[in-house]
Amino acid sequence: MSYQIYKMIHIISIVLFFSLYAAAAYQGKSALRDKILTGVFLIFILVAGMGLVARIGIPHGAGWPLWLKLKLAIWVIIGSSGHMILKRFPQHAVKAFWVSIGLLTISSYLANYKIG
């Protein structure tokens, strides 16, 4: 697939993931369907992101640059904390959502400017 297709899948999946996450955070609960869909969107984000990495010329098996390692770490934090916080600490769900938006901003900055 082309760079543009991977980028569209990546960005659309991010938007849909955060839309479902915001709805769950502000409602204070999430349905099983929403949990499944956010997981599916996280997989799409990862697969499309790896496709983008291949298209920008980082060879398979080569060491990853710092910006890519940081991006992956940020997405692991976002993906693993969302519904866990919503279930265990629902009073902090909205705050956690906005922290995730901040992490998304950092992740976008790292990807656009290839810091490190």
PDB file of N, CA and C in Angstrom:
ATOM      1  N   MET A   1       0.836  -1.186   0.000  1.00  0.00           N
ATOM      2  CA  MET A   1       0.000   0.000   0.000  1.00  0.00           C
ATOM      3  C   MET A   1       0.880   1.247   0.000  1.00  0.00           C
ATOM      4  N   SER A   2       0.300   2.329  -0.408  1.00  0.00           N
ATOM      5  CA  SER A   2       1.048   3.574  -0.490  1.00  0.00           C
ATOM      6  C   SER A   2       1.114   4.278   0.871  1.00  0.00           C
ATOM      7  N   TYR A   3       2.026   5.223   0.952  1.00  0.00           N
ATOM      8  CA  TYR A   3       2.194   6.033   2.156  1.00  0.00           C
ATOM      9  C   TYR A   3       0.893   6.740   2.516  1.00  0.00           C
ATOM     10  N   GLN A   4       0.203   7.289   1.516  1.00  0.00           N
ATOM     11  CA  GLN A   4      -1.019   8.047   1.756  1.00  0.00           C
ATOM     12  C   GLN A   4      -2.132   7.164   2.336  1.00  0.00           C
ATOM     13  N   ILE A   5      -2.244   5.938   1.861  1.00  0.00           N
ATOM     14  CA  ILE A   5      -3.273   5.018   2.386  1.00  0.00           C
ATOM     15  C   ILE A   5      -2.977   4.675   3.840  1.00  0.00           C
ATOM     16  N   TYR A   6      -1.725   4.344   4.128  1.00  0.00           N
ATOM     17  CA  TYR A   6      -1.350   4.056   5.517  1.00  0.00           C
ATOM     18  C   TYR A   6      -1.631   5.256   6.420  1.00  0.00           C
ATOM     19  N   LYS A   7      -1.311   6.447   5.948  1.00  0.00           N
ATOM     20  CA  LYS A   7      -1.520   7.651   6.751  1.00  0.00           C
ATOM     21  C   LYS A   7      -3.008   7.887   7.009  1.00  0.00           C
ATOM     22  N   MET A   8      -3.848   7.678   5.986  1.00  0.00           N
ATOM     23  CA  MET A   8      -5.301   7.834   6.173  1.00  0.00           C
ATOM     24  C   MET A   8      -5.834   6.841   7.198  1.00  0.00           C
ATOM     25  N   ILE A   9      -5.428   5.581   7.072  1.00  0.00           N
ATOM     26  CA  ILE A   9      -5.872   4.559   8.035  1.00  0.00           C
ATOM     27  C   ILE A   9      -5.412   4.930   9.434  1.00  0.00           C
ATOM     28  N   HIS A  10      -4.166   5.372   9.561  1.00  0.00           N
ATOM     29  CA  HIS A  10      -3.588   5.735  10.855  1.00  0.00           C
ATOM     30  C   HIS A  10      -4.373   6.887  11.500  1.00  0.00           C
ATOM     31  N   ILE A  11      -4.593   7.946  10.769  1.00  0.00           N
ATOM     32  CA  ILE A  11      -5.251   9.131  11.330  1.00  0.00           C
ATOM     33  C   ILE A  11      -6.727   8.874  11.608  1.00  0.00           C
ATOM     34  N   ILE A  12      -7.424   8.222  10.706  1.00  0.00           N
ATOM     35  CA  ILE A  12      -8.849   7.923  10.921  1.00  0.00           C
ATOM     36  C   ILE A  12      -9.016   7.019  12.134  1.00  0.00           C
ATOM     37  N   SER A  13      -8.130   6.039  12.291  1.00  0.00           N
ATOM     38  CA  SER A  13      -8.204   5.151  13.454  1.00  0.00           C
ATOM     39  C   SER A  13      -7.948   5.907  14.750  1.00  0.00           C
ATOM     40  N   ILE A  14      -7.029   6.863  14.725  1.00  0.00           N
ATOM     41  CA  ILE A  14      -6.760   7.679  15.918  1.00  0.00           C
ATOM     42  C   ILE A  14      -7.986   8.501  16.280  1.00  0.00           C
ATOM     43  N   VAL A  15      -8.606   9.114  15.289  1.00  0.00           N
ATOM     44  CA  VAL A  15      -9.800   9.930  15.543  1.00  0.00           C
ATOM     45  C   VAL A  15     -10.923   9.076  16.113  1.00  0.00           C
ATOM     46  N   LEU A  16     -11.165   7.917  15.526  1.00  0.00           N
ATOM     47  CA  LEU A  16     -12.239   7.048  16.020  1.00  0.00           C
ATOM     48  C   LEU A  16     -11.928   6.498  17.406  1.00  0.00           C
ATOM     49  N   PHE A  17     -10.665   6.137  17.657  1.00  0.00           N
ATOM     50  CA  PHE A  17     -10.272   5.663  18.977  1.00  0.00           C
ATOM     51  C   PHE A  17     -10.556   6.720  20.038  1.00  0.00           C
ATOM     52  N   PHE A  18     -10.106   7.949  19.789  1.00  0.00           N
ATOM     53  CA  PHE A  18     -10.299   9.001  20.786  1.00  0.00           C
ATOM     54  C   PHE A  18     -11.759   9.433  20.899  1.00  0.00           C
ATOM     55  N   SER A  19     -12.532   9.284  19.848  1.00  0.00           N
ATOM     56  CA  SER A  19     -13.965   9.579  19.938  1.00  0.00           C
ATOM     57  C   SER A  19     -14.660   8.600  20.884  1.00  0.00           C
ATOM     58  N   LEU A  20     -14.357   7.326  20.726  1.00  0.00           N
ATOM     59  CA  LEU A  20     -14.948   6.326  21.625  1.00  0.00           C
ATOM     60  C   LEU A  20     -14.438   6.499  23.055  1.00  0.00           C
ATOM     61  N   TYR A  21     -13.170   6.819  23.185  1.00  0.00           N
ATOM     62  CA  TYR A  21     -12.579   7.026  24.505  1.00  0.00           C
ATOM     63  C   TYR A  21     -13.220   8.224  25.196  1.00  0.00           C
ATOM     64  N   ALA A  22     -13.416   9.304  24.472  1.00  0.00           N
ATOM     65  CA  ALA A  22     -14.056  10.496  25.053  1.00  0.00           C
ATOM     66  C   ALA A  22     -15.484  10.200  25.478  1.00  0.00           C
ATOM     67  N   ALA A  23     -16.224   9.501  24.637  1.00  0.00           N
ATOM     68  CA  ALA A  23     -17.613   9.162  24.982  1.00  0.00           C
ATOM     69  C   ALA A  23     -17.655   8.322  26.254  1.00  0.00           C
ATOM     70  N   ALA A  24     -16.778   7.351  26.355  1.00  0.00           N
ATOM     71  CA  ALA A  24     -16.750   6.501  27.544  1.00  0.00           C
ATOM     72  C   ALA A  24     -16.337   7.294  28.783  1.00  0.00           C
ATOM     73  N   ALA A  25     -15.356   8.168  28.646  1.00  0.00           N
ATOM     74  CA  ALA A  25     -14.873   8.945  29.791  1.00  0.00           C
ATOM     75  C   ALA A  25     -15.953   9.886  30.303  1.00  0.00           C
ATOM     76  N   TYR A  26     -16.651  10.547  29.395  1.00  0.00           N
ATOM     77  CA  TYR A  26     -17.665  11.507  29.827  1.00  0.00           C
ATOM     78  C   TYR A  26     -18.950  10.836  30.293  1.00  0.00           C
ATOM     79  N   GLN A  27     -19.230   9.628  29.818  1.00  0.00           N
ATOM     80  CA  GLN A  27     -20.400   8.887  30.307  1.00  0.00           C
ATOM     81  C   GLN A  27     -20.106   8.177  31.615  1.00  0.00           C
ATOM     82  N   GLY A  28     -18.852   7.918  31.871  1.00  0.00           N
ATOM     83  CA  GLY A  28     -18.467   7.231  33.095  1.00  0.00           C
ATOM     84  C   GLY A  28     -18.548   5.725  32.987  1.00  0.00           C
ATOM     85  N   LYS A  29     -18.817   5.204  31.812  1.00  0.00           N
ATOM     86  CA  LYS A  29     -18.889   3.754  31.600  1.00  0.00           C
ATOM     87  C   LYS A  29     -18.681   3.481  30.123  1.00  0.00           C
ATOM     88  N   SER A  30     -18.363   2.232  29.822  1.00  0.00           N
ATOM     89  CA  SER A  30     -18.229   1.850  28.425  1.00  0.00           C
ATOM     90  C   SER A  30     -18.822   0.467  28.217  1.00  0.00           C
ATOM     91  N   ALA A  31     -19.454   0.308  27.088  1.00  0.00           N
ATOM     92  CA  ALA A  31     -20.042  -0.977  26.739  1.00  0.00           C
ATOM     93  C   ALA A  31     -18.958  -1.903  26.200  1.00  0.00           C
ATOM     94  N   LEU A  32     -19.235  -3.181  26.211  1.00  0.00           N
ATOM     95  CA  LEU A  32     -18.298  -4.161  25.695  1.00  0.00           C
ATOM     96  C   LEU A  32     -17.970  -3.860  24.231  1.00  0.00           C
ATOM     97  N   ARG A  33     -18.951  -3.442  23.479  1.00  0.00           N
ATOM     98  CA  ARG A  33     -18.751  -3.097  22.067  1.00  0.00           C
ATOM     99  C   ARG A  33     -17.707  -1.986  21.925  1.00  0.00           C
ATOM    100  N   ASP A  34     -17.786  -0.978  22.784  1.00  0.00           N
ATOM    101  CA  ASP A  34     -16.828   0.127  22.735  1.00  0.00           C
ATOM    102  C   ASP A  34     -15.419  -0.337  23.088  1.00  0.00           C
ATOM    103  N   LYS A  35     -15.312  -1.225  24.055  1.00  0.00           N
ATOM    104  CA  LYS A  35     -14.001  -1.758  24.428  1.00  0.00           C
ATOM    105  C   LYS A  35     -13.391  -2.544  23.278  1.00  0.00           C
ATOM    106  N   ILE A  36     -14.211  -3.337  22.614  1.00  0.00           N
ATOM    107  CA  ILE A  36     -13.731  -4.116  21.470  1.00  0.00           C
ATOM    108  C   ILE A  36     -13.306  -3.187  20.342  1.00  0.00           C
ATOM    109  N   LEU A  37     -14.129  -2.189  20.052  1.00  0.00           N
ATOM    110  CA  LEU A  37     -13.808  -1.264  18.959  1.00  0.00           C
ATOM    111  C   LEU A  37     -12.543  -0.454  19.233  1.00  0.00           C
ATOM    112  N   THR A  38     -12.354  -0.017  20.463  1.00  0.00           N
ATOM    113  CA  THR A  38     -11.120   0.723  20.754  1.00  0.00           C
ATOM    114  C   THR A  38      -9.902  -0.187  20.587  1.00  0.00           C
ATOM    115  N   GLY A  39     -10.034  -1.442  20.948  1.00  0.00           N
ATOM    116  CA  GLY A  39      -8.943  -2.397  20.720  1.00  0.00           C
ATOM    117  C   GLY A  39      -8.659  -2.600  19.238  1.00  0.00           C
ATOM    118  N   VAL A  40      -9.724  -2.702  18.448  1.00  0.00           N
ATOM    119  CA  VAL A  40      -9.562  -2.851  16.997  1.00  0.00           C
ATOM    120  C   VAL A  40      -8.888  -1.609  16.413  1.00  0.00           C
ATOM    121  N   PHE A  41      -9.317  -0.435  16.849  1.00  0.00           N
ATOM    122  CA  PHE A  41      -8.706   0.793  16.344  1.00  0.00           C
ATOM    123  C   PHE A  41      -7.244   0.905  16.772  1.00  0.00           C
ATOM    124  N   LEU A  42      -6.918   0.442  17.970  1.00  0.00           N
ATOM    125  CA  LEU A  42      -5.511   0.438  18.394  1.00  0.00           C
ATOM    126  C   LEU A  42      -4.670  -0.468  17.491  1.00  0.00           C
ATOM    127  N   ILE A  43      -5.235  -1.598  17.092  1.00  0.00           N
ATOM    128  CA  ILE A  43      -4.517  -2.492  16.179  1.00  0.00           C
ATOM    129  C   ILE A  43      -4.322  -1.814  14.828  1.00  0.00           C
ATOM    130  N   PHE A  44      -5.372  -1.149  14.321  1.00  0.00           N
ATOM    131  CA  PHE A  44      -5.244  -0.415  13.055  1.00  0.00           C
ATOM    132  C   PHE A  44      -4.189   0.683  13.160  1.00  0.00           C
ATOM    133  N   ILE A  45      -4.170   1.383  14.303  1.00  0.00           N
ATOM    134  CA  ILE A  45      -3.177   2.438  14.512  1.00  0.00           C
ATOM    135  C   ILE A  45      -1.770   1.840  14.445  1.00  0.00           C
ATOM    136  N   LEU A  46      -1.564   0.718  15.108  1.00  0.00           N
ATOM    137  CA  LEU A  46      -0.256   0.074  15.127  1.00  0.00           C
ATOM    138  C   LEU A  46       0.151  -0.427  13.746  1.00  0.00           C
ATOM    139  N   VAL A  47      -0.738  -1.141  13.075  1.00  0.00           N
ATOM    140  CA  VAL A  47      -0.409  -1.705  11.760  1.00  0.00           C
ATOM    141  C   VAL A  47      -0.134  -0.592  10.748  1.00  0.00           C
ATOM    142  N   ALA A  48      -0.989   0.417  10.719  1.00  0.00           N
ATOM    143  CA  ALA A  48      -0.782   1.518   9.780  1.00  0.00           C
ATOM    144  C   ALA A  48       0.484   2.298  10.142  1.00  0.00           C
ATOM    145  N   GLY A  49       0.752   2.462  11.428  1.00  0.00           N
ATOM    146  CA  GLY A  49       1.976   3.137  11.855  1.00  0.00           C
ATOM    147  C   GLY A  49       3.226   2.384  11.424  1.00  0.00           C
ATOM    148  N   MET A  50       3.202   1.063  11.538  1.00  0.00           N
ATOM    149  CA  MET A  50       4.344   0.270  11.084  1.00  0.00           C
ATOM    150  C   MET A  50       4.477   0.334   9.560  1.00  0.00           C
ATOM    151  N   GLY A  51       3.354   0.416   8.865  1.00  0.00           N
ATOM    152  CA  GLY A  51       3.398   0.605   7.419  1.00  0.00           C
ATOM    153  C   GLY A  51       4.034   1.936   7.060  1.00  0.00           C
ATOM    154  N   LEU A  52       3.703   2.964   7.820  1.00  0.00           N
ATOM    155  CA  LEU A  52       4.314   4.277   7.596  1.00  0.00           C
ATOM    156  C   LEU A  52       5.820   4.244   7.853  1.00  0.00           C
ATOM    157  N   VAL A  53       6.219   3.530   8.890  1.00  0.00           N
ATOM    158  CA  VAL A  53       7.643   3.399   9.199  1.00  0.00           C
ATOM    159  C   VAL A  53       8.370   2.736   8.027  1.00  0.00           C
ATOM    160  N   ALA A  54       7.769   1.712   7.459  1.00  0.00           N
ATOM    161  CA  ALA A  54       8.391   1.039   6.316  1.00  0.00           C
ATOM    162  C   ALA A  54       8.460   1.963   5.111  1.00  0.00           C
ATOM    163  N   ARG A  55       7.434   2.780   4.914  1.00  0.00           N
ATOM    164  CA  ARG A  55       7.386   3.668   3.747  1.00  0.00           C
ATOM    165  C   ARG A  55       8.339   4.857   3.846  1.00  0.00           C
ATOM    166  N   ILE A  56       8.713   5.249   5.079  1.00  0.00           N
ATOM    167  CA  ILE A  56       9.655   6.375   5.174  1.00  0.00           C
ATOM    168  C   ILE A  56      11.102   5.909   5.086  1.00  0.00           C
ATOM    169  N   GLY A  57      11.297   4.603   4.979  1.00  0.00           N
ATOM    170  CA  GLY A  57      12.634   4.100   4.696  1.00  0.00           C
ATOM    171  C   GLY A  57      13.409   3.531   5.864  1.00  0.00           C
ATOM    172  N   ILE A  58      12.771   3.262   6.981  1.00  0.00           N
ATOM    173  CA  ILE A  58      13.473   2.605   8.088  1.00  0.00           C
ATOM    174  C   ILE A  58      13.449   1.108   7.781  1.00  0.00           C
ATOM    175  N   PRO A  59      14.619   0.508   7.517  1.00  0.00           N
ATOM    176  CA  PRO A  59      14.640  -0.888   7.084  1.00  0.00           C
ATOM    177  C   PRO A  59      14.242  -1.864   8.191  1.00  0.00           C
ATOM    178  N   HIS A  60      13.693  -2.974   7.761  1.00  0.00           N
ATOM    179  CA  HIS A  60      13.307  -4.029   8.691  1.00  0.00           C
ATOM    180  C   HIS A  60      14.554  -4.569   9.386  1.00  0.00           C
ATOM    181  N   GLY A  61      14.479  -4.672  10.693  1.00  0.00           N
ATOM    182  CA  GLY A  61      15.599  -5.186  11.463  1.00  0.00           C
ATOM    183  C   GLY A  61      16.608  -4.139  11.889  1.00  0.00           C
ATOM    184  N   ALA A  62      16.471  -2.925  11.365  1.00  0.00           N
ATOM    185  CA  ALA A  62      17.388  -1.857  11.770  1.00  0.00           C
ATOM    186  C   ALA A  62      16.938  -1.287  13.111  1.00  0.00           C
ATOM    187  N   GLY A  63      17.851  -0.630  13.789  1.00  0.00           N
ATOM    188  CA  GLY A  63      17.494   0.008  15.047  1.00  0.00           C
ATOM    189  C   GLY A  63      16.514   1.149  14.820  1.00  0.00           C
ATOM    190  N   TRP A  64      15.576   1.282  15.741  1.00  0.00           N
ATOM    191  CA  TRP A  64      14.589   2.348  15.625  1.00  0.00           C
ATOM    192  C   TRP A  64      15.157   3.654  16.159  1.00  0.00           C
ATOM    193  N   PRO A  65      14.794   4.762  15.527  1.00  0.00           N
ATOM    194  CA  PRO A  65      15.208   6.059  16.077  1.00  0.00           C
ATOM    195  C   PRO A  65      14.455   6.354  17.381  1.00  0.00           C
ATOM    196  N   LEU A  66      14.990   7.291  18.145  1.00  0.00           N
ATOM    197  CA  LEU A  66      14.412   7.629  19.450  1.00  0.00           C
ATOM    198  C   LEU A  66      12.961   8.064  19.340  1.00  0.00           C
ATOM    199  N   TRP A  67      12.625   8.883  18.348  1.00  0.00           N
ATOM    200  CA  TRP A  67      11.256   9.379  18.230  1.00  0.00           C
ATOM    201  C   TRP A  67      10.259   8.228  18.062  1.00  0.00           C
ATOM    202  N   LEU A  68      10.652   7.186  17.357  1.00  0.00           N
ATOM    203  CA  LEU A  68       9.757   6.048  17.132  1.00  0.00           C
ATOM    204  C   LEU A  68       9.577   5.221  18.407  1.00  0.00           C
ATOM    205  N   LYS A  69      10.661   5.039  19.149  1.00  0.00           N
ATOM    206  CA  LYS A  69      10.571   4.322  20.431  1.00  0.00           C
ATOM    207  C   LYS A  69       9.668   5.080  21.403  1.00  0.00           C
ATOM    208  N   LEU A  70       9.816   6.406  21.450  1.00  0.00           N
ATOM    209  CA  LEU A  70       8.978   7.214  22.342  1.00  0.00           C
ATOM    210  C   LEU A  70       7.515   7.171  21.920  1.00  0.00           C
ATOM    211  N   LYS A  71       7.274   7.228  20.612  1.00  0.00           N
ATOM    212  CA  LYS A  71       5.900   7.154  20.114  1.00  0.00           C
ATOM    213  C   LYS A  71       5.243   5.830  20.510  1.00  0.00           C
ATOM    214  N   LEU A  72       5.963   4.743  20.330  1.00  0.00           N
ATOM    215  CA  LEU A  72       5.419   3.437  20.684  1.00  0.00           C
ATOM    216  C   LEU A  72       5.153   3.350  22.185  1.00  0.00           C
ATOM    217  N   ALA A  73       6.057   3.884  22.993  1.00  0.00           N
ATOM    218  CA  ALA A  73       5.847   3.882  24.448  1.00  0.00           C
ATOM    219  C   ALA A  73       4.622   4.702  24.829  1.00  0.00           C
ATOM    220  N   ILE A  74       4.440   5.841  24.191  1.00  0.00           N
ATOM    221  CA  ILE A  74       3.268   6.682  24.473  1.00  0.00           C
ATOM    222  C   ILE A  74       1.993   5.937  24.120  1.00  0.00           C
ATOM    223  N   TRP A  75       1.979   5.278  22.974  1.00  0.00           N
ATOM    224  CA  TRP A  75       0.766   4.556  22.567  1.00  0.00           C
ATOM    225  C   TRP A  75       0.486   3.340  23.445  1.00  0.00           C
ATOM    226  N   VAL A  76       1.521   2.708  23.959  1.00  0.00           N
ATOM    227  CA  VAL A  76       1.298   1.607  24.909  1.00  0.00           C
ATOM    228  C   VAL A  76       0.636   2.157  26.177  1.00  0.00           C
ATOM    229  N   ILE A  77       1.084   3.311  26.637  1.00  0.00           N
ATOM    230  CA  ILE A  77       0.486   3.932  27.829  1.00  0.00           C
ATOM    231  C   ILE A  77      -0.963   4.312  27.562  1.00  0.00           C
ATOM    232  N   ILE A  78      -1.222   4.958  26.427  1.00  0.00           N
ATOM    233  CA  ILE A  78      -2.592   5.363  26.098  1.00  0.00           C
ATOM    234  C   ILE A  78      -3.494   4.137  25.972  1.00  0.00           C
ATOM    235  N   GLY A  79      -3.030   3.147  25.233  1.00  0.00           N
ATOM    236  CA  GLY A  79      -3.853   1.971  24.973  1.00  0.00           C
ATOM    237  C   GLY A  79      -4.120   1.120  26.197  1.00  0.00           C
ATOM    238  N   SER A  80      -3.157   1.059  27.098  1.00  0.00           N
ATOM    239  CA  SER A  80      -3.330   0.196  28.267  1.00  0.00           C
ATOM    240  C   SER A  80      -4.049   0.885  29.425  1.00  0.00           C
ATOM    241  N   SER A  81      -4.042   2.201  29.444  1.00  0.00           N
ATOM    242  CA  SER A  81      -4.591   2.889  30.617  1.00  0.00           C
ATOM    243  C   SER A  81      -6.058   3.302  30.478  1.00  0.00           C
ATOM    244  N   GLY A  82      -6.540   3.493  29.274  1.00  0.00           N
ATOM    245  CA  GLY A  82      -7.866   4.063  29.069  1.00  0.00           C
ATOM    246  C   GLY A  82      -8.999   3.376  29.809  1.00  0.00           C
ATOM    247  N   HIS A  83      -9.313   2.163  29.411  1.00  0.00           N
ATOM    248  CA  HIS A  83     -10.447   1.475  30.023  1.00  0.00           C
ATOM    249  C   HIS A  83     -10.125   0.976  31.430  1.00  0.00           C
ATOM    250  N   MET A  84      -8.843   0.770  31.712  1.00  0.00           N
ATOM    251  CA  MET A  84      -8.472   0.376  33.064  1.00  0.00           C
ATOM    252  C   MET A  84      -8.810   1.499  34.053  1.00  0.00           C
ATOM    253  N   ILE A  85      -8.463   2.728  33.701  1.00  0.00           N
ATOM    254  CA  ILE A  85      -8.791   3.866  34.567  1.00  0.00           C
ATOM    255  C   ILE A  85     -10.301   4.048  34.644  1.00  0.00           C
ATOM    256  N   LEU A  86     -10.971   3.887  33.521  1.00  0.00           N
ATOM    257  CA  LEU A  86     -12.429   4.039  33.494  1.00  0.00           C
ATOM    258  C   LEU A  86     -13.110   3.031  34.422  1.00  0.00           C
ATOM    259  N   LYS A  87     -12.589   1.811  34.478  1.00  0.00           N
ATOM    260  CA  LYS A  87     -13.190   0.789  35.331  1.00  0.00           C
ATOM    261  C   LYS A  87     -12.805   0.949  36.798  1.00  0.00           C
ATOM    262  N   ARG A  88     -11.536   1.193  37.074  1.00  0.00           N
ATOM    263  CA  ARG A  88     -11.066   1.209  38.458  1.00  0.00           C
ATOM    264  C   ARG A  88     -11.174   2.570  39.137  1.00  0.00           C
ATOM    265  N   PHE A  89     -11.021   3.632  38.356  1.00  0.00           N
ATOM    266  CA  PHE A  89     -11.055   4.985  38.908  1.00  0.00           C
ATOM    267  C   PHE A  89     -11.956   5.873  38.048  1.00  0.00           C
ATOM    268  N   PRO A  90     -13.253   5.608  38.003  1.00  0.00           N
ATOM    269  CA  PRO A  90     -14.133   6.367  37.100  1.00  0.00           C
ATOM    270  C   PRO A  90     -14.173   7.860  37.401  1.00  0.00           C
ATOM    271  N   GLN A  91     -13.882   8.252  38.627  1.00  0.00           N
ATOM    272  CA  GLN A  91     -13.889   9.669  38.965  1.00  0.00           C
ATOM    273  C   GLN A  91     -12.734  10.425  38.292  1.00  0.00           C
ATOM    274  N   HIS A  92     -11.727   9.701  37.812  1.00  0.00           N
ATOM    275  CA  HIS A  92     -10.578  10.327  37.148  1.00  0.00           C
ATOM    276  C   HIS A  92     -10.573  10.092  35.636  1.00  0.00           C
ATOM    277  N   ALA A  93     -11.652   9.550  35.113  1.00  0.00           N
ATOM    278  CA  ALA A  93     -11.681   9.173  33.696  1.00  0.00           C
ATOM    279  C   ALA A  93     -11.520  10.381  32.769  1.00  0.00           C
ATOM    280  N   VAL A  94     -12.189  11.479  33.067  1.00  0.00           N
ATOM    281  CA  VAL A  94     -12.102  12.660  32.199  1.00  0.00           C
ATOM    282  C   VAL A  94     -10.698  13.259  32.265  1.00  0.00           C
ATOM    283  N   LYS A  95     -10.120  13.306  33.452  1.00  0.00           N
ATOM    284  CA  LYS A  95      -8.750  13.815  33.579  1.00  0.00           C
ATOM    285  C   LYS A  95      -7.773  12.932  32.794  1.00  0.00           C
ATOM    286  N   ALA A  96      -7.950  11.622  32.901  1.00  0.00           N
ATOM    287  CA  ALA A  96      -7.082  10.694  32.174  1.00  0.00           C
ATOM    288  C   ALA A  96      -7.249  10.858  30.665  1.00  0.00           C
ATOM    289  N   PHE A  97      -8.475  11.139  30.229  1.00  0.00           N
ATOM    290  CA  PHE A  97      -8.700  11.378  28.806  1.00  0.00           C
ATOM    291  C   PHE A  97      -7.890  12.577  28.334  1.00  0.00           C
ATOM    292  N   TRP A  98      -7.914  13.669  29.099  1.00  0.00           N
ATOM    293  CA  TRP A  98      -7.187  14.869  28.694  1.00  0.00           C
ATOM    294  C   TRP A  98      -5.677  14.682  28.791  1.00  0.00           C
ATOM    295  N   VAL A  99      -5.229  13.867  29.719  1.00  0.00           N
ATOM    296  CA  VAL A  99      -3.805  13.516  29.757  1.00  0.00           C
ATOM    297  C   VAL A  99      -3.437  12.744  28.486  1.00  0.00           C
ATOM    298  N   SER A 100      -4.330  11.851  28.061  1.00  0.00           N
ATOM    299  CA  SER A 100      -4.104  11.099  26.826  1.00  0.00           C
ATOM    300  C   SER A 100      -4.058  12.016  25.612  1.00  0.00           C
ATOM    301  N   ILE A 101      -4.884  13.048  25.612  1.00  0.00           N
ATOM    302  CA  ILE A 101      -4.839  14.032  24.519  1.00  0.00           C
ATOM    303  C   ILE A 101      -3.473  14.738  24.524  1.00  0.00           C
ATOM    304  N   GLY A 102      -2.967  15.051  25.699  1.00  0.00           N
ATOM    305  CA  GLY A 102      -1.631  15.647  25.803  1.00  0.00           C
ATOM    306  C   GLY A 102      -0.557  14.702  25.273  1.00  0.00           C
ATOM    307  N   LEU A 103      -0.671  13.418  25.616  1.00  0.00           N
ATOM    308  CA  LEU A 103       0.276  12.432  25.105  1.00  0.00           C
ATOM    309  C   LEU A 103       0.158  12.290  23.593  1.00  0.00           C
ATOM    310  N   LEU A 104      -1.060  12.371  23.087  1.00  0.00           N
ATOM    311  CA  LEU A 104      -1.273  12.339  21.632  1.00  0.00           C
ATOM    312  C   LEU A 104      -0.570  13.516  20.963  1.00  0.00           C
ATOM    313  N   THR A 105      -0.641  14.675  21.574  1.00  0.00           N
ATOM    314  CA  THR A 105       0.019  15.861  21.039  1.00  0.00           C
ATOM    315  C   THR A 105       1.534  15.666  20.993  1.00  0.00           C
ATOM    316  N   ILE A 106       2.085  15.128  22.058  1.00  0.00           N
ATOM    317  CA  ILE A 106       3.527  14.850  22.098  1.00  0.00           C
ATOM    318  C   ILE A 106       3.902  13.829  21.029  1.00  0.00           C
ATOM    319  N   SER A 107       3.094  12.803  20.901  1.00  0.00           N
ATOM    320  CA  SER A 107       3.339  11.768  19.906  1.00  0.00           C
ATOM    321  C   SER A 107       3.303  12.335  18.489  1.00  0.00           C
ATOM    322  N   SER A 108       2.351  13.205  18.223  1.00  0.00           N
ATOM    323  CA  SER A 108       2.257  13.840  16.906  1.00  0.00           C
ATOM    324  C   SER A 108       3.470  14.720  16.636  1.00  0.00           C
ATOM    325  N   TYR A 109       3.899  15.452  17.646  1.00  0.00           N
ATOM    326  CA  TYR A 109       5.076  16.300  17.510  1.00  0.00           C
ATOM    327  C   TYR A 109       6.307  15.461  17.174  1.00  0.00           C
ATOM    328  N   LEU A 110       6.476  14.348  17.894  1.00  0.00           N
ATOM    329  CA  LEU A 110       7.614  13.469  17.647  1.00  0.00           C
ATOM    330  C   LEU A 110       7.604  12.934  16.220  1.00  0.00           C
ATOM    331  N   ALA A 111       6.432  12.558  15.731  1.00  0.00           N
ATOM    332  CA  ALA A 111       6.328  11.993  14.391  1.00  0.00           C
ATOM    333  C   ALA A 111       6.576  13.054  13.317  1.00  0.00           C
ATOM    334  N   ASN A 112       6.065  14.249  13.521  1.00  0.00           N
ATOM    335  CA  ASN A 112       6.211  15.293  12.504  1.00  0.00           C
ATOM    336  C   ASN A 112       7.616  15.860  12.422  1.00  0.00           C
ATOM    337  N   TYR A 113       8.279  15.991  13.557  1.00  0.00           N
ATOM    338  CA  TYR A 113       9.597  16.610  13.571  1.00  0.00           C
ATOM    339  C   TYR A 113      10.744  15.615  13.760  1.00  0.00           C
ATOM    340  N   LYS A 114      10.412  14.334  13.918  1.00  0.00           N
ATOM    341  CA  LYS A 114      11.421  13.257  14.022  1.00  0.00           C
ATOM    342  C   LYS A 114      12.524  13.607  15.033  1.00  0.00           C
ATOM    343  N   ILE A 115      12.088  13.968  16.229  1.00  0.00           N
ATOM    344  CA  ILE A 115      13.011  14.372  17.293  1.00  0.00           C
ATOM    345  C   ILE A 115      13.859  13.175  17.725  1.00  0.00           C
ATOM    346  N   GLY A 116      15.143  13.381  17.886  1.00  0.00           N
ATOM    347  CA  GLY A 116      16.033  12.338  18.370  1.00  0.00           C
ATOM    348  C   GLY A 116      16.679  11.662  17.245  1.00  0.00           C
TER     349      GLY A 116
END
